[in-house]
Amino acid sequence: MGSQEALGQAARLASSGLLLQVLFRLITFILNAFILRFLSKEIVGIVNVRLTLLYSTTIFLAREAFRRACLSGGSQRDWSQTFNLLWLTVPLGVLWSMFLGWVWLRFLEVPDPDVIPYYGTGVVVFGLSAVVELLGEPFWVLAQAHMFVKLKVIAESLSVILKSVLTAFLVLWLPHWGLYIFSLAQLFYTAVLVLCYVIYFKKLLSSPESTKQQTLPVSRMTDLLPNIPRSGAFVNWEEAKLTWSFFKQSFLKQILTEGERYVMTFLNVLNFGDQGVYDIVNNLGSLVARLIFQPIEESFYIFFAKVLEREKDATLQKQEDIAVAAAVLESLLKLALLAGLTITIFGFAYSKLALDIYGGAMLSSGSGPVLLRSYCLYVLLLAVNGVTECFTFAAMSKEQVDRYNFTMLALSSSFLVLSYLLTHWCGSVGFILANCFNMGIRITQSLCFIHHYYQKSPYWPLTGLYLSPVLFGAFALSGGITGISEVFLCCEQGWPSRLAHVAVGIFCLGVTLGTAFLTETKLIHFLRTQLGVSRRADKMT
């Protein structure tokens, strides 16, 4: 596959499903805001922190390394070996869920059953839901490797929406069920998610005339099940070795990603109510990151993995591919920087209003606004890190991945210690400050790798992190005006003043985006080109 074709497919994967994601996220956002008004902070803390951490830890440890290793393989490979490797995630998930479930039940603080009943059942069902989701892993990797654009978006969004609908119904009509409600909804979510992939491929493989079916390495559903390949080896040992390298890295990355939840869960630095408020603010703050940055990171990781060869220096690879990769990386860095700055600047002045609309006084009073403002700064670092790491992990050799693991180990330890200290010093905001420190170090590591990678080539993609003085001034002016507007117009003077505050923000945002359109011509050209490619590809399909 040529670099331009891979770029077109990556752009299509990142952009064509974006409107669907916005629509589905909006529906879920409204449903969650409705559900929130019937819940206590304590039950939100148990479900969204304690039980969700059990589920996400099991899923991450069981599959993350397998995903990265199997998506890094070329098109010329024995897919039956890849499927065999992916099916190993299921027994691995069973072992992790049993071990972690035992830890959750025996060593962690158990909530008062009169306040939050059925905690033990919740632990068992959330662990089971992780195993159910792993059953769809071969289908997910096959879909991602062949860039089935809308399948992932529709499957995940539909599952989340149906989960929220079921939760809202049960909370409204059977509130005395307690954690039974969220356990049943979680299991329902993973079952629907897996069924979406299974039904899609079942229908696709039963239509031989389909052009998509003709490009697949399988012709029937049984080809995706474990079997002994013709080559004799049960798995591809190069993929298996790479999986082990990524597993060591993913273990550390999980600590860094969910570090604050581990500190909250195991060290009891916050009560369940404060954990609930923190998690709601964290989810609200990361909404844009999940909606925009994560699809871009996943799609362009696949692009870089297809275009770049892991074991070769930039000077030893096809210069056309290196040039395209550099241009794409520069544009993605610029896009991440501008999106992150926009969220940081405008999020600071509109955090309190957003929380008041979303959750009422439970969120807008107390530490909620300070948490969300701090998180807006974290989103900026999150955006830049997502782009730099998707390139770094796609270009690193196995040996470089192993060396990077040692750095991640030291970073994980320091992050956990820093989280604990900062939380005692400044409350739940300390988690976000520790995350900012962690993300800054990870960005520095990736920037050093990118600098070294392109050092002997004529390309310099890190210029994407430079901002023109005019655009910087527009951001600074918008931040000052909206900050003053919040002081005088928000949020106790009633809805007319709130609407005036929103109008000020819309005006400043329009001026800032207009300035970016006039000054960042290279980025605008990149977006127009790739969106045009995506639209043409959608018309062809």
Protein backbone atom coordinates (compact mmCIF):
# COMPACT_ATOMS: atom_id res chain seq x y z
CA MET A 1 0.00 0.00 0.00
CA GLY A 2 1.38 3.42 -1.00
CA SER A 3 1.77 6.23 1.48
CA GLN A 4 -0.86 8.41 -0.21
CA GLU A 5 -3.39 5.58 -0.23
CA ALA A 6 -2.69 4.82 3.44
CA LEU A 7 -3.05 8.52 4.25
CA GLY A 8 -6.38 8.70 2.47
CA GLN A 9 -7.67 5.68 4.34
CA ALA A 10 -6.48 7.04 7.69
CA ALA A 11 -8.12 10.41 7.02
CA ARG A 12 -11.30 8.66 6.02
CA LEU A 13 -11.26 6.55 9.17
CA ALA A 14 -10.71 9.61 11.37
CA SER A 15 -13.17 12.00 9.75
CA SER A 16 -16.07 10.20 8.11
CA GLY A 17 -17.45 8.86 11.39
CA LEU A 18 -17.00 12.12 13.27
CA LEU A 19 -20.53 13.44 12.69
CA LEU A 20 -21.96 10.13 13.82
CA GLN A 21 -19.84 10.27 16.95
CA VAL A 22 -20.98 13.82 17.71
CA LEU A 23 -24.62 12.80 17.30
CA PHE A 24 -24.30 9.67 19.45
CA ARG A 25 -22.26 11.47 22.12
CA LEU A 26 -24.87 14.23 22.28
CA ILE A 27 -27.62 11.67 22.89
CA THR A 28 -25.52 9.94 25.55
CA PHE A 29 -24.65 13.30 27.13
CA ILE A 30 -28.34 14.16 27.52
CA LEU A 31 -29.19 10.73 28.92
CA ASN A 32 -26.34 10.87 31.45
CA ALA A 33 -27.36 14.35 32.56
CA PHE A 34 -30.86 12.98 33.18
CA ILE A 35 -29.56 9.93 35.10
CA LEU A 36 -27.27 12.09 37.23
CA ARG A 37 -30.21 13.84 38.84
CA PHE A 38 -31.43 10.57 40.38
CA LEU A 39 -28.09 9.41 41.81
CA SER A 40 -26.03 10.23 44.87
CA LYS A 41 -22.37 11.21 44.63
CA GLU A 42 -21.46 8.05 46.53
CA ILE A 43 -22.98 5.59 44.07
CA VAL A 44 -21.40 7.51 41.17
CA GLY A 45 -18.04 7.12 42.90
CA ILE A 46 -18.49 3.35 43.38
CA VAL A 47 -19.66 2.69 39.82
CA ASN A 48 -17.57 5.15 37.83
CA VAL A 49 -14.36 4.78 39.82
CA ARG A 50 -14.23 1.48 41.73
CA LEU A 51 -16.13 -0.91 39.43
CA THR A 52 -15.20 0.76 36.15
CA LEU A 53 -11.54 0.59 37.18
CA LEU A 54 -11.90 -3.18 37.65
CA TYR A 55 -13.40 -3.49 34.16
CA SER A 56 -10.93 -1.16 32.40
CA THR A 57 -7.89 -2.73 34.09
CA THR A 58 -8.95 -6.23 33.05
CA ILE A 59 -9.64 -5.13 29.48
CA PHE A 60 -6.44 -3.12 29.14
CA LEU A 61 -4.11 -5.77 30.53
CA ALA A 62 -5.74 -8.54 28.51
CA ARG A 63 -5.91 -6.91 25.08
CA GLU A 64 -3.98 -3.65 24.63
CA ALA A 65 -0.64 -5.28 23.79
CA PHE A 66 -2.31 -7.76 21.41
CA ARG A 67 -4.07 -4.94 19.57
CA ARG A 68 -0.91 -2.92 19.00
CA ALA A 69 1.16 -5.91 17.94
CA CYS A 70 -1.46 -7.33 15.56
CA LEU A 71 -2.20 -3.96 13.96
CA SER A 72 1.52 -3.46 13.30
CA GLY A 73 1.71 -6.51 11.02
CA GLY A 74 1.89 -6.13 7.26
CA SER A 75 -0.68 -7.26 4.73
CA GLN A 76 1.41 -10.31 3.76
CA ARG A 77 0.89 -12.49 6.81
CA ASP A 78 -0.94 -15.60 7.89
CA TRP A 79 -4.11 -14.16 9.42
CA SER A 80 -5.00 -17.47 11.06
CA GLN A 81 -1.90 -17.07 13.26
CA THR A 82 -2.99 -13.53 14.12
CA PHE A 83 -6.48 -14.72 15.07
CA ASN A 84 -4.99 -17.49 17.21
CA LEU A 85 -2.91 -14.91 19.04
CA LEU A 86 -5.93 -12.66 19.56
CA TRP A 87 -8.05 -15.47 21.01
CA LEU A 88 -5.48 -15.78 23.80
CA THR A 89 -6.93 -12.55 25.17
CA VAL A 90 -10.01 -14.46 26.39
CA PRO A 91 -8.29 -16.88 28.83
CA LEU A 92 -5.96 -14.06 29.82
CA GLY A 93 -9.00 -11.90 30.56
CA VAL A 94 -10.56 -14.67 32.66
CA LEU A 95 -7.39 -14.92 34.78
CA TRP A 96 -7.11 -11.15 35.23
CA SER A 97 -10.81 -10.74 36.09
CA MET A 98 -10.63 -13.51 38.71
CA PHE A 99 -7.47 -12.14 40.30
CA LEU A 100 -8.60 -8.50 40.27
CA GLY A 101 -12.10 -9.45 41.47
CA TRP A 102 -10.52 -11.22 44.44
CA VAL A 103 -8.45 -8.11 45.22
CA TRP A 104 -11.52 -5.85 44.91
CA LEU A 105 -13.51 -8.02 47.32
CA ARG A 106 -10.83 -8.90 49.88
CA PHE A 107 -8.50 -5.91 50.15
CA LEU A 108 -10.51 -2.78 49.30
CA GLU A 109 -12.93 -0.86 51.48
CA VAL A 110 -16.46 -2.24 51.08
CA PRO A 111 -19.20 0.42 50.96
CA ASP A 112 -22.02 0.41 53.50
CA PRO A 113 -24.61 -2.07 52.13
CA ASP A 114 -27.44 0.10 53.51
CA VAL A 115 -26.24 3.01 51.36
CA ILE A 116 -24.88 1.11 48.34
CA PRO A 117 -26.22 -2.48 48.22
CA TYR A 118 -25.01 -5.44 46.13
CA TYR A 119 -21.35 -4.42 45.87
CA GLY A 120 -20.14 -8.06 45.58
CA THR A 121 -22.47 -8.74 42.68
CA GLY A 122 -21.22 -5.61 40.97
CA VAL A 123 -17.61 -6.79 41.19
CA VAL A 124 -18.46 -10.21 39.69
CA VAL A 125 -20.60 -8.84 36.84
CA PHE A 126 -18.17 -6.07 35.87
CA GLY A 127 -15.38 -8.65 35.66
CA LEU A 128 -17.61 -10.92 33.57
CA SER A 129 -18.45 -8.06 31.21
CA ALA A 130 -14.74 -7.58 30.50
CA VAL A 131 -14.43 -11.23 29.44
CA VAL A 132 -17.52 -10.94 27.22
CA GLU A 133 -16.02 -7.93 25.44
CA LEU A 134 -12.79 -9.84 24.73
CA LEU A 135 -14.79 -12.34 22.67
CA GLY A 136 -15.04 -9.70 19.95
CA GLU A 137 -11.33 -8.93 19.75
CA PRO A 138 -10.55 -10.82 16.47
CA PHE A 139 -13.46 -9.03 14.78
CA TRP A 140 -12.29 -5.63 16.07
CA VAL A 141 -8.71 -6.08 14.84
CA LEU A 142 -9.88 -7.35 11.44
CA ALA A 143 -12.15 -4.33 11.07
CA GLN A 144 -9.45 -1.86 12.11
CA ALA A 145 -6.77 -3.43 9.90
CA HIS A 146 -9.04 -3.12 6.87
CA MET A 147 -10.32 0.31 7.90
CA PHE A 148 -14.03 -0.39 8.03
CA VAL A 149 -14.84 3.21 8.71
CA LYS A 150 -18.23 3.36 10.37
CA LEU A 151 -18.45 -0.06 12.00
CA LYS A 152 -16.44 0.87 15.11
CA VAL A 153 -18.26 4.19 15.53
CA ILE A 154 -21.75 2.71 15.17
CA ALA A 155 -21.04 -0.37 17.31
CA GLU A 156 -19.55 1.55 20.22
CA SER A 157 -21.99 4.45 20.06
CA LEU A 158 -25.05 2.21 19.77
CA SER A 159 -23.84 0.13 22.73
CA VAL A 160 -23.31 3.21 24.89
CA ILE A 161 -26.69 4.70 23.99
CA LEU A 162 -28.58 1.46 24.71
CA LYS A 163 -26.67 1.12 27.98
CA SER A 164 -27.67 4.66 28.99
CA VAL A 165 -31.31 4.05 28.01
CA LEU A 166 -31.44 0.85 30.08
CA THR A 167 -29.76 2.60 33.03
CA ALA A 168 -32.19 5.52 32.88
CA PHE A 169 -35.18 3.16 32.75
CA LEU A 170 -33.98 1.07 35.70
CA VAL A 171 -32.95 4.10 37.80
CA LEU A 172 -36.36 5.65 37.24
CA TRP A 173 -38.51 2.56 37.84
CA LEU A 174 -36.39 0.27 40.04
CA PRO A 175 -34.10 2.57 42.09
CA HIS A 176 -33.96 0.05 44.98
CA TRP A 177 -31.93 -2.34 42.80
CA GLY A 178 -28.79 -0.32 43.59
CA LEU A 179 -25.69 -1.71 41.88
CA TYR A 180 -27.78 -4.37 40.12
CA ILE A 181 -28.81 -1.58 37.74
CA PHE A 182 -25.30 -0.64 36.67
CA SER A 183 -24.05 -4.24 36.61
CA LEU A 184 -26.85 -5.31 34.28
CA ALA A 185 -26.32 -2.25 32.07
CA GLN A 186 -22.57 -2.90 31.83
CA LEU A 187 -23.06 -6.54 30.83
CA PHE A 188 -25.70 -5.48 28.31
CA TYR A 189 -23.27 -2.92 26.85
CA THR A 190 -20.48 -5.44 26.20
CA ALA A 191 -22.90 -8.03 24.77
CA VAL A 192 -24.36 -5.52 22.29
CA LEU A 193 -20.87 -4.34 21.33
CA VAL A 194 -19.67 -7.85 20.47
CA LEU A 195 -22.91 -8.74 18.68
CA CYS A 196 -22.59 -5.67 16.44
CA TYR A 197 -19.24 -6.92 15.13
CA VAL A 198 -20.38 -10.54 14.82
CA ILE A 199 -23.59 -9.66 12.95
CA TYR A 200 -21.74 -7.27 10.63
CA PHE A 201 -19.13 -9.83 9.59
CA LYS A 202 -21.72 -12.60 9.38
CA LYS A 203 -23.72 -10.52 6.94
CA LEU A 204 -20.63 -9.37 5.02
CA LEU A 205 -19.16 -12.85 4.59
CA SER A 206 -22.49 -14.21 3.38
CA SER A 207 -22.39 -11.71 0.46
CA PRO A 208 -19.55 -12.90 -1.84
CA GLU A 209 -20.32 -10.18 -4.39
CA SER A 210 -19.41 -7.47 -1.88
CA THR A 211 -16.22 -5.60 -2.73
CA LYS A 212 -15.32 -5.38 0.97
CA GLN A 213 -15.71 -9.14 1.34
CA GLN A 214 -13.28 -9.73 -1.52
CA THR A 215 -10.54 -7.78 0.28
CA LEU A 216 -10.80 -9.80 3.50
CA PRO A 217 -8.36 -12.62 4.36
CA VAL A 218 -11.31 -14.78 5.50
CA SER A 219 -14.20 -16.25 3.53
CA ARG A 220 -16.39 -17.69 6.33
CA MET A 221 -16.98 -17.06 10.02
CA THR A 222 -15.14 -20.20 11.11
CA ASP A 223 -11.92 -18.74 9.68
CA LEU A 224 -11.90 -16.31 12.60
CA LEU A 225 -11.96 -19.11 15.17
CA PRO A 226 -8.78 -20.70 16.58
CA ASN A 227 -7.28 -23.32 14.25
CA ILE A 228 -3.96 -24.86 13.22
CA PRO A 229 -2.62 -22.88 10.23
CA ARG A 230 -1.02 -24.50 7.20
CA SER A 231 2.39 -23.08 8.13
CA GLY A 232 2.40 -25.29 11.23
CA ALA A 233 3.10 -22.65 13.92
CA PHE A 234 0.06 -21.83 16.05
CA VAL A 235 1.02 -18.14 16.27
CA ASN A 236 3.40 -15.79 14.53
CA TRP A 237 6.29 -15.66 16.99
CA GLU A 238 7.41 -12.22 15.84
CA GLU A 239 3.95 -10.87 16.68
CA ALA A 240 4.06 -12.79 19.96
CA LYS A 241 7.41 -11.23 20.92
CA LEU A 242 6.16 -7.77 19.98
CA THR A 243 3.04 -8.45 22.05
CA TRP A 244 5.18 -9.18 25.10
CA SER A 245 7.09 -5.93 24.59
CA PHE A 246 3.86 -3.98 24.28
CA PHE A 247 2.41 -5.82 27.27
CA LYS A 248 5.18 -4.56 29.54
CA GLN A 249 4.62 -1.10 28.14
CA SER A 250 0.82 -1.29 28.35
CA PHE A 251 0.99 -2.31 32.01
CA LEU A 252 2.89 0.87 32.76
CA LYS A 253 0.71 2.96 30.47
CA GLN A 254 -2.39 1.75 32.31
CA ILE A 255 -0.93 2.97 35.60
CA LEU A 256 -0.24 6.34 34.01
CA THR A 257 -3.66 6.53 32.33
CA GLU A 258 -5.73 5.45 35.34
CA GLY A 259 -3.22 6.40 38.03
CA GLU A 260 -5.51 8.73 39.95
CA ARG A 261 -8.20 6.05 40.15
CA TYR A 262 -5.68 3.55 41.55
CA VAL A 263 -4.61 6.08 44.17
CA MET A 264 -8.24 6.82 45.07
CA THR A 265 -9.12 3.12 45.19
CA PHE A 266 -6.15 1.71 47.07
CA LEU A 267 -5.06 4.63 49.27
CA ASN A 268 -8.50 6.10 50.16
CA VAL A 269 -7.37 9.71 49.76
CA LEU A 270 -10.94 10.75 48.83
CA ASN A 271 -14.30 9.53 50.06
CA PHE A 272 -16.78 7.95 47.63
CA GLY A 273 -18.69 11.23 47.19
CA ASP A 274 -15.59 13.24 46.24
CA GLN A 275 -14.54 10.41 43.93
CA GLY A 276 -17.92 10.68 42.23
CA VAL A 277 -17.61 14.44 41.64
CA TYR A 278 -14.06 14.03 40.36
CA ASP A 279 -15.08 11.30 37.94
CA ILE A 280 -18.03 13.28 36.55
CA VAL A 281 -15.80 16.29 35.94
CA ASN A 282 -13.10 14.04 34.48
CA ASN A 283 -15.56 12.46 32.04
CA LEU A 284 -17.01 15.81 31.07
CA GLY A 285 -13.56 17.31 30.56
CA SER A 286 -12.35 14.39 28.47
CA LEU A 287 -15.41 14.39 26.22
CA VAL A 288 -13.64 16.26 23.42
CA ALA A 289 -10.53 14.12 23.85
CA ARG A 290 -12.57 10.93 23.40
CA LEU A 291 -14.63 12.41 20.59
CA ILE A 292 -11.88 13.94 18.45
CA PHE A 293 -8.36 13.16 19.64
CA GLN A 294 -8.78 9.42 20.23
CA PRO A 295 -10.12 8.62 16.72
CA ILE A 296 -7.30 10.69 15.20
CA GLU A 297 -4.68 8.89 17.31
CA GLU A 298 -6.02 5.42 16.49
CA SER A 299 -6.44 6.12 12.77
CA PHE A 300 -3.08 7.76 12.18
CA TYR A 301 -1.25 5.18 14.30
CA ILE A 302 -2.40 2.70 11.65
CA PHE A 303 -1.22 5.09 8.91
CA PHE A 304 2.25 5.55 10.41
CA ALA A 305 2.55 1.81 11.10
CA LYS A 306 1.78 1.04 7.45
CA VAL A 307 4.04 3.72 5.96
CA LEU A 308 7.11 3.46 8.24
CA GLU A 309 9.36 0.43 8.72
CA ARG A 310 10.21 -0.16 12.37
CA GLU A 311 13.77 -1.42 12.07
CA LYS A 312 15.02 1.25 9.66
CA ASP A 313 16.28 4.78 10.16
CA ALA A 314 14.51 7.59 8.30
CA THR A 315 17.40 7.92 5.83
CA LEU A 316 17.12 4.24 4.85
CA GLN A 317 13.41 4.27 4.02
CA LYS A 318 11.54 5.46 0.94
CA GLN A 319 11.91 9.21 0.95
CA GLU A 320 8.42 9.70 -0.44
CA ASP A 321 6.99 7.85 2.56
CA ILE A 322 9.19 9.77 4.99
CA ALA A 323 8.15 13.09 3.43
CA VAL A 324 4.45 12.23 3.62
CA ALA A 325 4.79 11.04 7.22
CA ALA A 326 6.60 14.25 8.19
CA ALA A 327 3.97 16.46 6.54
CA VAL A 328 1.14 14.54 8.19
CA LEU A 329 2.83 14.65 11.60
CA GLU A 330 3.41 18.40 11.32
CA SER A 331 -0.24 19.03 10.43
CA LEU A 332 -1.53 16.76 13.19
CA LEU A 333 0.66 18.50 15.77
CA LYS A 334 -0.66 21.88 14.65
CA LEU A 335 -4.24 20.63 14.77
CA ALA A 336 -3.76 19.18 18.25
CA LEU A 337 -2.13 22.39 19.49
CA LEU A 338 -4.89 24.65 18.17
CA ALA A 339 -7.71 22.40 19.40
CA GLY A 340 -6.09 22.05 22.83
CA LEU A 341 -5.48 25.78 23.19
CA THR A 342 -9.08 26.53 22.21
CA ILE A 343 -10.38 24.17 24.89
CA THR A 344 -7.98 25.55 27.50
CA ILE A 345 -8.68 29.24 26.86
CA PHE A 346 -12.45 29.04 26.54
CA GLY A 347 -12.89 26.20 29.01
CA PHE A 348 -11.45 28.35 31.80
CA ALA A 349 -14.24 30.92 31.51
CA TYR A 350 -17.11 28.51 30.86
CA SER A 351 -16.39 25.62 33.24
CA LYS A 352 -18.75 26.75 35.99
CA LEU A 353 -21.62 27.39 33.57
CA ALA A 354 -21.14 23.99 31.90
CA LEU A 355 -21.18 22.15 35.22
CA ASP A 356 -24.25 24.04 36.43
CA ILE A 357 -26.17 23.11 33.29
CA TYR A 358 -25.00 19.50 33.34
CA GLY A 359 -25.37 18.53 36.99
CA GLY A 360 -26.77 21.47 38.90
CA ALA A 361 -25.42 22.73 42.22
CA MET A 362 -23.91 19.31 43.05
CA LEU A 363 -21.20 19.99 40.44
CA SER A 364 -21.07 23.78 40.05
CA SER A 365 -20.48 24.41 43.75
CA GLY A 366 -17.42 23.30 45.66
CA SER A 367 -14.38 21.97 43.81
CA GLY A 368 -16.14 21.19 40.52
CA PRO A 369 -15.29 24.38 38.54
CA VAL A 370 -11.65 24.37 39.66
CA LEU A 371 -11.37 20.71 38.65
CA LEU A 372 -12.77 21.35 35.18
CA ARG A 373 -10.58 24.40 34.60
CA SER A 374 -7.52 22.38 35.52
CA TYR A 375 -8.67 19.59 33.26
CA CYS A 376 -8.88 21.98 30.31
CA LEU A 377 -5.13 22.52 30.62
CA TYR A 378 -4.66 18.77 30.80
CA VAL A 379 -6.66 18.33 27.56
CA LEU A 380 -4.09 20.50 25.75
CA LEU A 381 -1.27 18.20 26.87
CA LEU A 382 -3.42 15.16 26.13
CA ALA A 383 -3.98 16.29 22.55
CA VAL A 384 -0.29 16.85 21.82
CA ASN A 385 0.73 13.61 23.52
CA GLY A 386 -1.78 11.58 21.53
CA VAL A 387 -0.23 12.70 18.24
CA THR A 388 3.41 12.39 19.31
CA GLU A 389 2.93 8.93 20.81
CA CYS A 390 0.96 7.54 17.86
CA PHE A 391 3.98 8.36 15.66
CA THR A 392 6.56 7.22 18.22
CA PHE A 393 4.96 3.83 18.89
CA ALA A 394 4.52 3.20 15.16
CA ALA A 395 8.15 4.05 14.33
CA MET A 396 9.99 2.49 17.30
CA SER A 397 11.80 -0.80 16.87
CA LYS A 398 11.22 -3.64 19.33
CA GLU A 399 14.46 -2.76 21.15
CA GLN A 400 13.43 0.90 21.42
CA VAL A 401 10.03 -0.14 22.77
CA ASP A 402 11.78 -2.22 25.45
CA ARG A 403 14.05 0.70 26.40
CA TYR A 404 11.08 3.01 26.55
CA ASN A 405 9.48 0.64 29.05
CA PHE A 406 12.20 1.40 31.61
CA THR A 407 11.47 5.11 31.32
CA MET A 408 7.75 4.43 31.73
CA LEU A 409 8.48 2.38 34.86
CA ALA A 410 10.29 5.29 36.52
CA LEU A 411 7.57 7.66 35.35
CA SER A 412 4.83 5.41 36.75
CA SER A 413 6.43 5.33 40.18
CA SER A 414 6.99 9.08 40.34
CA PHE A 415 3.45 9.73 39.08
CA LEU A 416 1.83 7.66 41.80
CA VAL A 417 3.94 9.29 44.51
CA LEU A 418 3.26 12.76 43.12
CA SER A 419 -0.50 12.04 42.92
CA TYR A 420 -0.57 11.01 46.56
CA LEU A 421 1.40 14.07 47.72
CA LEU A 422 -0.47 16.63 45.60
CA THR A 423 -3.84 15.22 46.66
CA HIS A 424 -2.95 15.71 50.33
CA TRP A 425 -1.77 19.23 49.51
CA CYS A 426 -4.62 20.53 47.30
CA GLY A 427 -7.35 17.89 47.22
CA SER A 428 -8.69 16.26 44.08
CA VAL A 429 -7.08 18.93 41.86
CA GLY A 430 -3.79 17.27 42.75
CA PHE A 431 -4.70 14.33 40.52
CA ILE A 432 -5.02 16.59 37.50
CA LEU A 433 -1.77 18.41 38.29
CA ALA A 434 0.02 15.06 38.58
CA ASN A 435 -1.49 14.02 35.25
CA CYS A 436 -0.20 17.23 33.66
CA PHE A 437 3.29 16.49 34.96
CA ASN A 438 3.08 12.91 33.70
CA MET A 439 1.85 14.00 30.27
CA GLY A 440 4.55 16.65 29.99
CA ILE A 441 7.26 14.04 30.58
CA ARG A 442 5.72 11.67 28.03
CA ILE A 443 5.52 14.46 25.45
CA THR A 444 9.17 15.31 26.07
CA GLN A 445 10.14 11.66 25.53
CA SER A 446 8.25 11.48 22.25
CA LEU A 447 9.59 14.82 21.02
CA CYS A 448 13.14 13.65 21.65
CA PHE A 449 12.48 10.49 19.63
CA ILE A 450 10.91 12.44 16.74
CA HIS A 451 13.79 14.94 16.74
CA HIS A 452 16.34 12.13 16.60
CA TYR A 453 14.34 10.23 13.96
CA TYR A 454 14.28 13.16 11.51
CA GLN A 455 17.63 14.65 12.53
CA LYS A 456 19.50 13.50 9.40
CA SER A 457 16.62 14.17 7.02
CA PRO A 458 15.59 17.50 5.44
CA TYR A 459 12.20 17.38 7.19
CA TRP A 460 11.26 19.06 10.46
CA PRO A 461 7.72 18.08 11.51
CA LEU A 462 8.07 19.60 15.00
CA THR A 463 7.45 23.03 13.49
CA GLY A 464 3.81 22.07 13.90
CA LEU A 465 4.16 23.09 17.55
CA TYR A 466 5.08 26.68 16.67
CA LEU A 467 2.30 29.29 16.89
CA SER A 468 2.25 32.55 14.95
CA PRO A 469 2.38 35.74 17.11
CA VAL A 470 -0.89 37.01 15.63
CA LEU A 471 -2.76 33.83 16.51
CA PHE A 472 -1.17 33.74 19.96
CA GLY A 473 -2.42 37.28 20.52
CA ALA A 474 -5.93 36.31 19.45
CA PHE A 475 -5.96 33.46 21.99
CA ALA A 476 -4.65 35.73 24.76
CA LEU A 477 -7.20 38.46 24.01
CA SER A 478 -10.07 35.96 23.90
CA GLY A 479 -9.00 34.51 27.24
CA GLY A 480 -8.95 37.97 28.86
CA ILE A 481 -12.33 39.05 27.47
CA THR A 482 -14.15 35.82 28.37
CA GLY A 483 -12.58 35.85 31.85
CA ILE A 484 -13.92 39.36 32.50
CA SER A 485 -17.28 38.32 31.06
CA GLU A 486 -17.52 35.44 33.54
CA VAL A 487 -16.89 37.75 36.49
CA PHE A 488 -19.68 40.17 35.54
CA LEU A 489 -22.21 37.93 33.77
CA CYS A 490 -21.99 34.42 35.21
CA CYS A 491 -23.47 32.61 36.92
CA GLU A 492 -25.78 33.99 39.66
CA GLN A 493 -27.47 36.80 37.71
CA GLY A 494 -29.99 34.60 35.89
CA TRP A 495 -30.35 33.24 32.39
CA PRO A 496 -30.22 36.57 30.48
CA SER A 497 -26.76 37.26 31.87
CA ARG A 498 -25.70 33.68 31.16
CA LEU A 499 -26.82 33.98 27.55
CA ALA A 500 -24.90 37.24 27.23
CA HIS A 501 -21.81 35.44 28.59
CA VAL A 502 -22.29 32.72 25.97
CA ALA A 503 -22.65 35.35 23.23
CA VAL A 504 -19.34 36.93 24.25
CA GLY A 505 -17.69 33.51 24.02
CA ILE A 506 -19.17 32.80 20.57
CA PHE A 507 -17.87 36.14 19.27
CA CYS A 508 -14.38 35.59 20.66
CA LEU A 509 -14.31 32.03 19.34
CA GLY A 510 -15.29 33.23 15.88
CA VAL A 511 -12.51 35.83 15.86
CA THR A 512 -9.95 33.26 17.05
CA LEU A 513 -10.97 30.65 14.47
CA GLY A 514 -10.96 33.29 11.73
CA THR A 515 -7.43 34.30 12.69
CA ALA A 516 -6.35 30.65 12.60
CA PHE A 517 -7.92 30.24 9.16
CA LEU A 518 -5.92 33.19 7.83
CA THR A 519 -2.57 32.37 9.46
CA GLU A 520 -2.38 28.55 9.40
CA THR A 521 -2.68 28.07 5.64
CA LYS A 522 -0.71 24.81 5.54
CA LEU A 523 -3.02 23.18 8.08
CA ILE A 524 -6.12 24.40 6.24
CA HIS A 525 -4.78 22.92 3.00
CA PHE A 526 -4.13 19.59 4.73
CA LEU A 527 -7.63 19.45 6.20
CA ARG A 528 -9.27 20.39 2.91
CA THR A 529 -7.24 17.78 1.03
CA GLN A 530 -7.92 14.95 3.46
CA LEU A 531 -11.58 15.78 3.94
CA GLY A 532 -11.92 15.82 0.16
CA VAL A 533 -10.29 12.41 -0.05
CA SER A 534 -12.61 11.12 2.66
CA ARG A 535 -15.74 12.39 0.87
CA ARG A 536 -14.67 10.85 -2.44
CA ALA A 537 -13.97 7.55 -0.71
CA ASP A 538 -17.39 7.62 0.97
CA LYS A 539 -19.08 8.22 -2.39
CA MET A 540 -17.19 5.29 -3.92
CA THR A 541 -18.43 3.01 -1.11
